[in-house]
N, C-alpha and C. Protein backbone atom coordinates (compact mmCIF):
# COMPACT_ATOMS: atom_id res chain seq x y z
N MET A 1 13.46 8.75 4.95
CA MET A 1 14.60 8.01 4.45
C MET A 1 14.86 8.46 3.01
N LYS A 2 16.10 8.76 2.74
CA LYS A 2 16.45 9.25 1.42
C LYS A 2 17.43 8.27 0.75
N ALA A 3 17.25 8.09 -0.53
CA ALA A 3 18.13 7.22 -1.30
C ALA A 3 18.62 7.98 -2.50
N LYS A 4 19.71 7.50 -3.08
CA LYS A 4 20.20 8.11 -4.31
C LYS A 4 20.82 7.03 -5.19
N LEU A 5 20.85 7.31 -6.49
CA LEU A 5 21.49 6.38 -7.41
C LEU A 5 22.98 6.40 -7.14
N ARG A 6 23.61 5.25 -7.23
CA ARG A 6 25.06 5.18 -7.05
C ARG A 6 25.74 5.70 -8.32
N LYS A 7 26.97 6.10 -8.18
CA LYS A 7 27.73 6.58 -9.34
C LYS A 7 27.86 5.46 -10.36
N GLY A 8 27.74 5.83 -11.62
CA GLY A 8 27.86 4.86 -12.69
C GLY A 8 26.57 4.15 -13.06
N VAL A 9 25.47 4.47 -12.37
CA VAL A 9 24.19 3.85 -12.68
C VAL A 9 23.42 4.76 -13.61
N ARG A 10 22.91 4.18 -14.67
CA ARG A 10 22.09 4.94 -15.62
C ARG A 10 20.78 4.22 -15.81
N ILE A 11 19.74 5.01 -16.03
CA ILE A 11 18.44 4.41 -16.32
C ILE A 11 17.93 4.98 -17.63
N ARG A 12 17.21 4.15 -18.37
CA ARG A 12 16.62 4.66 -19.61
C ARG A 12 15.26 3.99 -19.81
N PRO A 13 14.31 4.80 -20.25
CA PRO A 13 12.96 4.26 -20.47
C PRO A 13 12.91 3.38 -21.71
N GLU A 14 12.02 2.41 -21.67
CA GLU A 14 11.76 1.57 -22.83
C GLU A 14 10.25 1.38 -22.93
N ALA A 15 9.82 0.66 -23.92
CA ALA A 15 8.39 0.50 -24.17
C ALA A 15 7.61 -0.03 -22.96
N PHE A 16 8.15 -1.01 -22.28
CA PHE A 16 7.45 -1.59 -21.14
C PHE A 16 8.33 -1.49 -19.90
N GLY A 17 8.51 -0.28 -19.39
CA GLY A 17 9.33 -0.07 -18.20
C GLY A 17 10.62 0.62 -18.57
N GLY A 18 11.72 0.01 -18.20
CA GLY A 18 12.99 0.62 -18.49
C GLY A 18 14.14 -0.32 -18.21
N VAL A 19 15.33 0.17 -18.45
CA VAL A 19 16.55 -0.60 -18.23
C VAL A 19 17.43 0.16 -17.26
N VAL A 20 17.99 -0.58 -16.32
CA VAL A 20 18.94 -0.03 -15.36
C VAL A 20 20.30 -0.59 -15.74
N GLN A 21 21.25 0.31 -16.03
CA GLN A 21 22.60 -0.11 -16.38
C GLN A 21 23.53 0.24 -15.23
N ILE A 22 24.32 -0.74 -14.82
CA ILE A 22 25.27 -0.54 -13.73
C ILE A 22 26.66 -0.63 -14.32
N LYS A 23 27.44 0.42 -14.14
CA LYS A 23 28.80 0.44 -14.67
C LYS A 23 29.55 -0.77 -14.12
N ASP A 24 30.15 -1.54 -14.98
CA ASP A 24 30.90 -2.74 -14.62
C ASP A 24 30.04 -3.81 -13.94
N GLY A 25 28.72 -3.73 -14.10
CA GLY A 25 27.88 -4.72 -13.43
C GLY A 25 26.72 -5.22 -14.24
N GLY A 26 26.70 -4.92 -15.52
CA GLY A 26 25.61 -5.40 -16.35
C GLY A 26 24.40 -4.50 -16.33
N ALA A 27 23.28 -5.08 -16.71
CA ALA A 27 22.03 -4.32 -16.80
C ALA A 27 20.87 -5.26 -16.52
N PHE A 28 19.77 -4.68 -16.12
CA PHE A 28 18.55 -5.47 -15.96
C PHE A 28 17.35 -4.61 -16.27
N GLN A 29 16.27 -5.28 -16.60
CA GLN A 29 15.04 -4.59 -16.99
C GLN A 29 14.11 -4.48 -15.80
N VAL A 30 13.37 -3.38 -15.72
CA VAL A 30 12.36 -3.19 -14.68
C VAL A 30 11.02 -2.89 -15.32
N ASP A 31 9.96 -3.25 -14.61
CA ASP A 31 8.62 -2.97 -15.11
C ASP A 31 8.31 -1.48 -14.96
N PRO A 32 7.18 -1.01 -15.51
CA PRO A 32 6.87 0.43 -15.43
C PRO A 32 6.80 0.97 -14.00
N ILE A 33 6.29 0.18 -13.07
CA ILE A 33 6.22 0.65 -11.68
C ILE A 33 7.62 0.78 -11.10
N GLY A 34 8.47 -0.21 -11.34
CA GLY A 34 9.86 -0.14 -10.87
C GLY A 34 10.60 1.03 -11.48
N PHE A 35 10.37 1.28 -12.76
CA PHE A 35 11.02 2.40 -13.41
C PHE A 35 10.55 3.72 -12.81
N ASP A 36 9.26 3.81 -12.49
CA ASP A 36 8.70 5.00 -11.85
C ASP A 36 9.38 5.24 -10.50
N ILE A 37 9.55 4.19 -9.71
CA ILE A 37 10.20 4.31 -8.40
C ILE A 37 11.64 4.78 -8.56
N ILE A 38 12.39 4.15 -9.46
CA ILE A 38 13.79 4.52 -9.67
C ILE A 38 13.89 5.96 -10.17
N SER A 39 12.99 6.36 -11.04
CA SER A 39 13.00 7.74 -11.55
C SER A 39 12.78 8.74 -10.43
N GLN A 40 11.87 8.41 -9.51
CA GLN A 40 11.62 9.31 -8.38
C GLN A 40 12.84 9.37 -7.45
N ILE A 41 13.52 8.25 -7.26
CA ILE A 41 14.75 8.25 -6.46
C ILE A 41 15.79 9.14 -7.14
N LYS A 42 15.91 9.01 -8.46
CA LYS A 42 16.87 9.83 -9.21
C LYS A 42 16.58 11.31 -9.04
N GLU A 43 15.29 11.68 -8.95
CA GLU A 43 14.91 13.07 -8.77
C GLU A 43 15.14 13.57 -7.35
N GLY A 44 15.53 12.67 -6.44
CA GLY A 44 15.82 13.08 -5.07
C GLY A 44 14.62 13.03 -4.14
N ILE A 45 13.55 12.37 -4.56
CA ILE A 45 12.35 12.28 -3.73
C ILE A 45 12.59 11.23 -2.65
N GLU A 46 12.23 11.56 -1.40
CA GLU A 46 12.42 10.64 -0.29
C GLU A 46 11.50 9.43 -0.42
N ILE A 47 11.95 8.30 0.13
CA ILE A 47 11.20 7.05 0.04
C ILE A 47 9.77 7.21 0.58
N ASP A 48 9.61 7.91 1.70
CA ASP A 48 8.27 8.10 2.29
C ASP A 48 7.34 8.82 1.31
N HIS A 49 7.88 9.80 0.59
CA HIS A 49 7.07 10.53 -0.39
C HIS A 49 6.78 9.66 -1.62
N ILE A 50 7.73 8.82 -1.98
CA ILE A 50 7.51 7.90 -3.11
C ILE A 50 6.36 6.96 -2.76
N ILE A 51 6.36 6.45 -1.52
CA ILE A 51 5.28 5.56 -1.08
C ILE A 51 3.95 6.29 -1.16
N LYS A 52 3.92 7.54 -0.69
CA LYS A 52 2.68 8.33 -0.74
C LYS A 52 2.23 8.53 -2.19
N ASN A 53 3.17 8.90 -3.06
CA ASN A 53 2.85 9.10 -4.48
C ASN A 53 2.29 7.83 -5.11
N MET A 54 2.92 6.70 -4.82
CA MET A 54 2.49 5.45 -5.42
C MET A 54 1.15 4.98 -4.86
N LYS A 55 0.90 5.24 -3.58
CA LYS A 55 -0.41 4.88 -3.01
C LYS A 55 -1.52 5.67 -3.69
N GLU A 56 -1.25 6.96 -3.94
CA GLU A 56 -2.24 7.78 -4.64
C GLU A 56 -2.46 7.26 -6.06
N LYS A 57 -1.37 6.93 -6.72
CA LYS A 57 -1.44 6.48 -8.10
C LYS A 57 -2.15 5.13 -8.23
N TYR A 58 -1.92 4.24 -7.28
CA TYR A 58 -2.49 2.89 -7.35
C TYR A 58 -3.60 2.68 -6.33
N GLU A 59 -4.34 3.74 -6.06
CA GLU A 59 -5.56 3.71 -5.25
C GLU A 59 -5.36 3.06 -3.90
N ASP A 60 -4.30 3.43 -3.23
CA ASP A 60 -4.04 3.02 -1.85
C ASP A 60 -4.03 1.50 -1.66
N SER A 61 -3.45 0.81 -2.61
CA SER A 61 -3.32 -0.64 -2.51
C SER A 61 -2.53 -0.98 -1.24
N PRO A 62 -3.01 -1.94 -0.45
CA PRO A 62 -2.36 -2.23 0.83
C PRO A 62 -0.93 -2.77 0.71
N LYS A 63 -0.58 -3.33 -0.43
CA LYS A 63 0.76 -3.90 -0.59
C LYS A 63 1.78 -2.90 -1.11
N VAL A 64 1.38 -1.70 -1.47
CA VAL A 64 2.29 -0.74 -2.09
C VAL A 64 3.51 -0.49 -1.21
N GLU A 65 3.29 -0.16 0.05
CA GLU A 65 4.40 0.17 0.94
C GLU A 65 5.35 -1.02 1.08
N GLU A 66 4.81 -2.20 1.31
CA GLU A 66 5.63 -3.40 1.46
C GLU A 66 6.42 -3.68 0.18
N ASP A 67 5.76 -3.57 -0.97
CA ASP A 67 6.42 -3.82 -2.25
C ASP A 67 7.54 -2.82 -2.52
N ILE A 68 7.32 -1.55 -2.17
CA ILE A 68 8.36 -0.54 -2.39
C ILE A 68 9.56 -0.82 -1.50
N HIS A 69 9.33 -1.19 -0.25
CA HIS A 69 10.45 -1.51 0.65
C HIS A 69 11.24 -2.71 0.13
N LYS A 70 10.54 -3.74 -0.36
CA LYS A 70 11.23 -4.91 -0.92
C LYS A 70 12.03 -4.52 -2.16
N PHE A 71 11.42 -3.70 -3.03
CA PHE A 71 12.09 -3.29 -4.26
C PHE A 71 13.32 -2.44 -3.97
N THR A 72 13.20 -1.48 -3.04
CA THR A 72 14.36 -0.65 -2.72
C THR A 72 15.46 -1.48 -2.07
N GLN A 73 15.09 -2.48 -1.26
CA GLN A 73 16.10 -3.37 -0.67
C GLN A 73 16.83 -4.13 -1.76
N LYS A 74 16.09 -4.60 -2.77
CA LYS A 74 16.71 -5.30 -3.89
C LYS A 74 17.67 -4.37 -4.64
N LEU A 75 17.25 -3.10 -4.83
CA LEU A 75 18.11 -2.14 -5.52
C LEU A 75 19.39 -1.89 -4.74
N VAL A 76 19.31 -1.86 -3.41
CA VAL A 76 20.50 -1.70 -2.58
C VAL A 76 21.42 -2.91 -2.77
N GLU A 77 20.85 -4.12 -2.71
CA GLU A 77 21.63 -5.34 -2.87
C GLU A 77 22.29 -5.43 -4.24
N GLU A 78 21.61 -4.93 -5.27
CA GLU A 78 22.13 -4.97 -6.64
C GLU A 78 23.15 -3.86 -6.90
N GLY A 79 23.31 -2.94 -5.95
CA GLY A 79 24.26 -1.85 -6.12
C GLY A 79 23.74 -0.70 -6.97
N VAL A 80 22.42 -0.57 -7.08
CA VAL A 80 21.82 0.48 -7.89
C VAL A 80 21.67 1.77 -7.09
N ILE A 81 21.22 1.64 -5.84
CA ILE A 81 21.02 2.81 -4.99
C ILE A 81 21.75 2.64 -3.67
N GLU A 82 21.92 3.74 -2.98
CA GLU A 82 22.42 3.68 -1.61
C GLU A 82 21.51 4.54 -0.75
N ILE A 83 21.28 4.08 0.46
CA ILE A 83 20.43 4.80 1.40
C ILE A 83 21.32 5.77 2.17
N GLU A 84 20.90 7.02 2.20
CA GLU A 84 21.66 8.04 2.91
C GLU A 84 21.30 8.01 4.38
N LYS A 85 22.31 8.00 5.23
CA LYS A 85 22.08 8.02 6.67
C LYS A 85 21.71 9.42 7.09
N GLU A 86 20.70 9.53 7.96
CA GLU A 86 20.24 10.85 8.40
C GLU A 86 20.88 11.23 9.70
């Protein structure tokens, strides 16, 4: 499954995570893990690979996959990303 940032969305790092700015939609702050996920989406990395990367980074925590799916769903609802149909 592949996702991409929608047009008009910008991300910028900050001391504790980052900020996601949505053109005509405000902005919100994300924690370092959320910023890492969004950055990987911006780079064009597929969701399955992001899950693999995050499991390696966080020692195969059992909730990683579930948390990433919830987070990406929230990003879709907020208009930050769109899932590309294969």
